[in-house]
Amino acid sequence: MTKYISTILSFIFIISCNFLSSENKLIEGDLYFDWFRIGSFYNQPDSIIQNAKKYFDTVNQYKLDPDSKKFFAMYESLKKEGLLYSPFVDMKLDNDSIIKIYFKNPDYEKIKIYSRKELQDTKKKVRIKMEVHELGNKMAFCTKLISVNKVDGQTFEMSKKFKIEDYY
């Protein structure tokens, strides 16, 4: 009888470990600067927040065009996860895809200190390694910030035509 109980407990332990590991994913990539930063209400004026909430909470999602549906899906994901007011950065992964990473404030403080212009002038980039919980829609939440390092390389930006703001 104890043999069966220990076998069942071992099986449950293996299943639970697999379940937990599937929630968090280890990623690594470079800080990326985009001129068009939509991602949360972090540091946004109340007027923008009120108008955006009013729009998303009253819009008929079935009549939206594909781009608006994308923003609606992002809003709904962030609202569900409680991240509407969380800071975020864009990150270029090693496979060249760009994702938005949301942070707790203490982790964000370690990243926002880097200036795009200073990084580009010194031919440096910021390499970030972390565990994330994927949110869908090319978004993830940092559950554990492992490292933030300034290294040799090129800091990429989305556009050279528009003013690109730093993260602070």
C-alpha atoms as a PDB file:
ATOM      1  CA  MET A   1       0.000   0.000   0.000  1.00  0.00           C
ATOM      2  CA  THR A   2       2.794   2.463   0.863  1.00  0.00           C
ATOM      3  CA  LYS A   3       4.469   1.602  -2.433  1.00  0.00           C
ATOM      4  CA  TYR A   4       1.344   2.742  -4.301  1.00  0.00           C
ATOM      5  CA  ILE A   5       1.037   5.924  -2.234  1.00  0.00           C
ATOM      6  CA  SER A   6       4.689   6.839  -2.820  1.00  0.00           C
ATOM      7  CA  THR A   7       4.281   6.132  -6.555  1.00  0.00           C
ATOM      8  CA  ILE A   8       1.196   8.346  -6.717  1.00  0.00           C
ATOM      9  CA  LEU A   9       2.902  11.128  -4.748  1.00  0.00           C
ATOM     10  CA  SER A  10       5.943  10.930  -7.033  1.00  0.00           C
ATOM     11  CA  PHE A  11       3.690  11.141 -10.084  1.00  0.00           C
ATOM     12  CA  ILE A  12       1.840  14.160  -8.638  1.00  0.00           C
ATOM     13  CA  PHE A  13       5.177  15.849  -7.857  1.00  0.00           C
ATOM     14  CA  ILE A  14       6.432  15.338 -11.434  1.00  0.00           C
ATOM     15  CA  ILE A  15       3.162  16.630 -12.909  1.00  0.00           C
ATOM     16  CA  SER A  16       3.153  19.701 -10.631  1.00  0.00           C
ATOM     17  CA  CYS A  17       6.788  20.495 -11.487  1.00  0.00           C
ATOM     18  CA  ASN A  18       5.975  20.311 -15.182  1.00  0.00           C
ATOM     19  CA  PHE A  19       2.938  22.538 -14.665  1.00  0.00           C
ATOM     20  CA  LEU A  20       4.923  25.145 -12.736  1.00  0.00           C
ATOM     21  CA  SER A  21       7.760  25.190 -15.241  1.00  0.00           C
ATOM     22  CA  SER A  22       5.341  25.709 -18.117  1.00  0.00           C
ATOM     23  CA  GLU A  23       4.076  28.935 -16.527  1.00  0.00           C
ATOM     24  CA  ASN A  24       7.447  30.686 -16.350  1.00  0.00           C
ATOM     25  CA  LYS A  25       9.811  30.886 -19.265  1.00  0.00           C
ATOM     26  CA  LEU A  26      13.442  32.002 -19.315  1.00  0.00           C
ATOM     27  CA  ILE A  27      14.098  34.656 -21.962  1.00  0.00           C
ATOM     28  CA  GLU A  28      17.015  36.831 -22.921  1.00  0.00           C
ATOM     29  CA  GLY A  29      17.179  39.812 -25.227  1.00  0.00           C
ATOM     30  CA  ASP A  30      18.110  43.445 -25.758  1.00  0.00           C
ATOM     31  CA  LEU A  31      16.384  46.610 -24.633  1.00  0.00           C
ATOM     32  CA  TYR A  32      14.600  48.084 -27.638  1.00  0.00           C
ATOM     33  CA  PHE A  33      13.360  51.627 -28.152  1.00  0.00           C
ATOM     34  CA  ASP A  34      10.198  52.416 -30.093  1.00  0.00           C
ATOM     35  CA  TRP A  35       8.819  55.862 -30.886  1.00  0.00           C
ATOM     36  CA  PHE A  36       5.214  54.712 -30.474  1.00  0.00           C
ATOM     37  CA  ARG A  37       4.850  53.393 -26.929  1.00  0.00           C
ATOM     38  CA  ILE A  38       1.443  51.982 -26.158  1.00  0.00           C
ATOM     39  CA  GLY A  39       1.369  49.407 -23.454  1.00  0.00           C
ATOM     40  CA  SER A  40      -0.115  50.594 -20.172  1.00  0.00           C
ATOM     41  CA  PHE A  41      -1.322  53.627 -18.268  1.00  0.00           C
ATOM     42  CA  TYR A  42       2.006  53.951 -16.438  1.00  0.00           C
ATOM     43  CA  ASN A  43       2.946  57.674 -16.171  1.00  0.00           C
ATOM     44  CA  GLN A  44      -0.027  58.720 -18.320  1.00  0.00           C
ATOM     45  CA  PRO A  45      -2.210  61.750 -17.513  1.00  0.00           C
ATOM     46  CA  ASP A  46      -5.629  61.091 -15.980  1.00  0.00           C
ATOM     47  CA  SER A  47      -7.390  62.502 -19.046  1.00  0.00           C
ATOM     48  CA  ILE A  48      -5.821  59.876 -21.329  1.00  0.00           C
ATOM     49  CA  ILE A  49      -6.573  57.096 -18.857  1.00  0.00           C
ATOM     50  CA  GLN A  50     -10.224  58.112 -18.501  1.00  0.00           C
ATOM     51  CA  ASN A  51     -10.758  58.397 -22.251  1.00  0.00           C
ATOM     52  CA  ALA A  52      -9.052  55.078 -22.994  1.00  0.00           C
ATOM     53  CA  LYS A  53     -10.988  53.231 -20.269  1.00  0.00           C
ATOM     54  CA  LYS A  54     -14.260  54.734 -21.456  1.00  0.00           C
ATOM     55  CA  TYR A  55     -13.516  53.659 -25.027  1.00  0.00           C
ATOM     56  CA  PHE A  56     -12.420  50.105 -24.223  1.00  0.00           C
ATOM     57  CA  ASP A  57     -15.200  49.521 -21.688  1.00  0.00           C
ATOM     58  CA  THR A  58     -17.976  50.642 -24.068  1.00  0.00           C
ATOM     59  CA  VAL A  59     -16.756  49.691 -27.553  1.00  0.00           C
ATOM     60  CA  ASN A  60     -18.426  46.884 -29.468  1.00  0.00           C
ATOM     61  CA  GLN A  61     -15.433  44.597 -29.945  1.00  0.00           C
ATOM     62  CA  TYR A  62     -17.083  42.736 -32.816  1.00  0.00           C
ATOM     63  CA  LYS A  63     -17.169  45.861 -34.985  1.00  0.00           C
ATOM     64  CA  LEU A  64     -13.496  46.755 -34.538  1.00  0.00           C
ATOM     65  CA  ASP A  65     -10.957  46.673 -37.342  1.00  0.00           C
ATOM     66  CA  PRO A  66      -8.018  44.231 -36.943  1.00  0.00           C
ATOM     67  CA  ASP A  67      -5.616  46.836 -35.473  1.00  0.00           C
ATOM     68  CA  SER A  68      -8.178  48.028 -32.926  1.00  0.00           C
ATOM     69  CA  LYS A  69      -8.950  44.409 -32.006  1.00  0.00           C
ATOM     70  CA  LYS A  70      -5.253  43.958 -31.219  1.00  0.00           C
ATOM     71  CA  PHE A  71      -5.286  46.918 -28.822  1.00  0.00           C
ATOM     72  CA  PHE A  72      -8.545  45.725 -27.290  1.00  0.00           C
ATOM     73  CA  ALA A  73      -7.031  42.277 -26.669  1.00  0.00           C
ATOM     74  CA  MET A  74      -3.954  43.872 -25.085  1.00  0.00           C
ATOM     75  CA  TYR A  75      -6.146  46.021 -22.841  1.00  0.00           C
ATOM     76  CA  GLU A  76      -8.244  43.040 -21.755  1.00  0.00           C
ATOM     77  CA  SER A  77      -5.135  40.943 -20.977  1.00  0.00           C
ATOM     78  CA  LEU A  78      -3.548  43.707 -18.919  1.00  0.00           C
ATOM     79  CA  LYS A  79      -6.807  44.395 -17.101  1.00  0.00           C
ATOM     80  CA  LYS A  80      -7.245  40.699 -16.274  1.00  0.00           C
ATOM     81  CA  GLU A  81      -3.672  40.421 -14.974  1.00  0.00           C
ATOM     82  CA  GLY A  82      -3.840  43.692 -12.990  1.00  0.00           C
ATOM     83  CA  LEU A  83      -1.081  45.302 -15.082  1.00  0.00           C
ATOM     84  CA  LEU A  84      -2.877  48.346 -16.533  1.00  0.00           C
ATOM     85  CA  TYR A  85      -0.649  50.695 -14.495  1.00  0.00           C
ATOM     86  CA  SER A  86       2.588  48.696 -14.659  1.00  0.00           C
ATOM     87  CA  PRO A  87       5.764  49.998 -16.289  1.00  0.00           C
ATOM     88  CA  PHE A  88       6.977  48.204 -19.395  1.00  0.00           C
ATOM     89  CA  VAL A  89       9.784  48.129 -21.939  1.00  0.00           C
ATOM     90  CA  ASP A  90      10.114  46.706 -25.401  1.00  0.00           C
ATOM     91  CA  MET A  91      12.619  43.910 -25.773  1.00  0.00           C
ATOM     92  CA  LYS A  92      14.150  42.392 -28.892  1.00  0.00           C
ATOM     93  CA  LEU A  93      14.564  38.661 -28.418  1.00  0.00           C
ATOM     94  CA  ASP A  94      17.326  36.622 -30.012  1.00  0.00           C
ATOM     95  CA  ASN A  95      14.879  35.409 -32.689  1.00  0.00           C
ATOM     96  CA  ASP A  96      14.371  39.087 -33.754  1.00  0.00           C
ATOM     97  CA  SER A  97      10.823  39.312 -32.400  1.00  0.00           C
ATOM     98  CA  ILE A  98       9.817  42.308 -30.300  1.00  0.00           C
ATOM     99  CA  ILE A  99       7.754  41.845 -27.130  1.00  0.00           C
ATOM    100  CA  LYS A 100       6.523  44.087 -24.332  1.00  0.00           C
ATOM    101  CA  ILE A 101       7.752  43.159 -20.888  1.00  0.00           C
ATOM    102  CA  TYR A 102       5.852  44.424 -17.831  1.00  0.00           C
ATOM    103  CA  PHE A 103       7.644  44.874 -14.507  1.00  0.00           C
ATOM    104  CA  LYS A 104       7.194  45.454 -10.820  1.00  0.00           C
ATOM    105  CA  ASN A 105       8.569  48.915  -9.997  1.00  0.00           C
ATOM    106  CA  PRO A 106      11.797  47.753  -8.251  1.00  0.00           C
ATOM    107  CA  ASP A 107      12.822  45.706 -11.311  1.00  0.00           C
ATOM    108  CA  TYR A 108      11.872  48.519 -13.696  1.00  0.00           C
ATOM    109  CA  GLU A 109      14.130  50.916 -11.755  1.00  0.00           C
ATOM    110  CA  LYS A 110      17.126  48.773 -12.772  1.00  0.00           C
ATOM    111  CA  ILE A 111      16.289  49.203 -16.462  1.00  0.00           C
ATOM    112  CA  LYS A 112      15.003  52.744 -16.831  1.00  0.00           C
ATOM    113  CA  ILE A 113      18.396  54.212 -15.910  1.00  0.00           C
ATOM    114  CA  TYR A 114      19.709  53.544 -19.414  1.00  0.00           C
ATOM    115  CA  SER A 115      19.530  56.317 -22.010  1.00  0.00           C
ATOM    116  CA  ARG A 116      19.003  55.387 -25.649  1.00  0.00           C
ATOM    117  CA  LYS A 117      21.241  58.202 -26.884  1.00  0.00           C
ATOM    118  CA  GLU A 118      24.063  57.359 -24.479  1.00  0.00           C
ATOM    119  CA  LEU A 119      23.881  53.683 -25.429  1.00  0.00           C
ATOM    120  CA  GLN A 120      23.992  54.488 -29.145  1.00  0.00           C
ATOM    121  CA  ASP A 121      26.792  57.056 -28.747  1.00  0.00           C
ATOM    122  CA  THR A 122      28.978  54.547 -26.874  1.00  0.00           C
ATOM    123  CA  LYS A 123      27.997  51.583 -29.111  1.00  0.00           C
ATOM    124  CA  LYS A 124      26.506  49.680 -26.182  1.00  0.00           C
ATOM    125  CA  LYS A 125      23.259  47.827 -25.618  1.00  0.00           C
ATOM    126  CA  VAL A 126      21.412  46.542 -22.572  1.00  0.00           C
ATOM    127  CA  ARG A 127      21.159  42.769 -22.348  1.00  0.00           C
ATOM    128  CA  ILE A 128      18.375  41.496 -20.091  1.00  0.00           C
ATOM    129  CA  LYS A 129      17.800  37.980 -18.800  1.00  0.00           C
ATOM    130  CA  MET A 130      14.650  37.099 -16.873  1.00  0.00           C
ATOM    131  CA  GLU A 131      11.922  34.633 -16.130  1.00  0.00           C
ATOM    132  CA  VAL A 132       8.556  35.687 -17.502  1.00  0.00           C
ATOM    133  CA  HIS A 133       4.924  34.693 -17.426  1.00  0.00           C
ATOM    134  CA  GLU A 134       3.597  34.978 -20.975  1.00  0.00           C
ATOM    135  CA  LEU A 135       0.418  37.038 -21.347  1.00  0.00           C
ATOM    136  CA  GLY A 136      -0.222  36.540 -25.061  1.00  0.00           C
ATOM    137  CA  ASN A 137      -0.367  39.285 -27.693  1.00  0.00           C
ATOM    138  CA  LYS A 138       3.448  39.583 -27.635  1.00  0.00           C
ATOM    139  CA  MET A 139       3.403  40.559 -23.951  1.00  0.00           C
ATOM    140  CA  ALA A 140       4.944  39.025 -20.842  1.00  0.00           C
ATOM    141  CA  PHE A 141       5.316  39.831 -17.139  1.00  0.00           C
ATOM    142  CA  CYS A 142       8.764  39.617 -15.525  1.00  0.00           C
ATOM    143  CA  THR A 143       8.491  37.249 -12.561  1.00  0.00           C
ATOM    144  CA  LYS A 144      12.225  37.206 -11.815  1.00  0.00           C
ATOM    145  CA  LEU A 145      14.814  39.641 -13.149  1.00  0.00           C
ATOM    146  CA  ILE A 146      18.046  37.656 -13.396  1.00  0.00           C
ATOM    147  CA  SER A 147      20.460  40.141 -14.980  1.00  0.00           C
ATOM    148  CA  VAL A 148      20.648  43.562 -16.628  1.00  0.00           C
ATOM    149  CA  ASN A 149      24.013  44.243 -18.250  1.00  0.00           C
ATOM    150  CA  LYS A 150      25.373  46.961 -20.502  1.00  0.00           C
ATOM    151  CA  VAL A 151      27.451  45.204 -23.166  1.00  0.00           C
ATOM    152  CA  ASP A 152      29.125  46.041 -26.472  1.00  0.00           C
ATOM    153  CA  GLY A 153      26.699  46.115 -29.377  1.00  0.00           C
ATOM    154  CA  GLN A 154      24.128  48.175 -31.200  1.00  0.00           C
ATOM    155  CA  THR A 155      21.020  49.532 -29.482  1.00  0.00           C
ATOM    156  CA  PHE A 156      18.148  49.262 -31.906  1.00  0.00           C
ATOM    157  CA  GLU A 157      15.276  51.667 -32.316  1.00  0.00           C
ATOM    158  CA  MET A 158      12.123  51.513 -34.376  1.00  0.00           C
ATOM    159  CA  SER A 159      12.414  54.799 -36.246  1.00  0.00           C
ATOM    160  CA  LYS A 160      14.963  57.482 -36.877  1.00  0.00           C
ATOM    161  CA  LYS A 161      12.281  59.903 -38.156  1.00  0.00           C
ATOM    162  CA  PHE A 162      10.402  60.425 -34.899  1.00  0.00           C
ATOM    163  CA  LYS A 163      11.581  61.445 -31.445  1.00  0.00           C
ATOM    164  CA  ILE A 164      12.134  58.391 -29.301  1.00  0.00           C
ATOM    165  CA  GLU A 165      11.736  58.803 -25.568  1.00  0.00           C
ATOM    166  CA  ASP A 166      13.771  56.966 -22.964  1.00  0.00           C
ATOM    167  CA  TYR A 167      11.994  54.810 -20.400  1.00  0.00           C
ATOM    168  CA  TYR A 168      12.224  57.193 -17.458  1.00  0.00           C
END
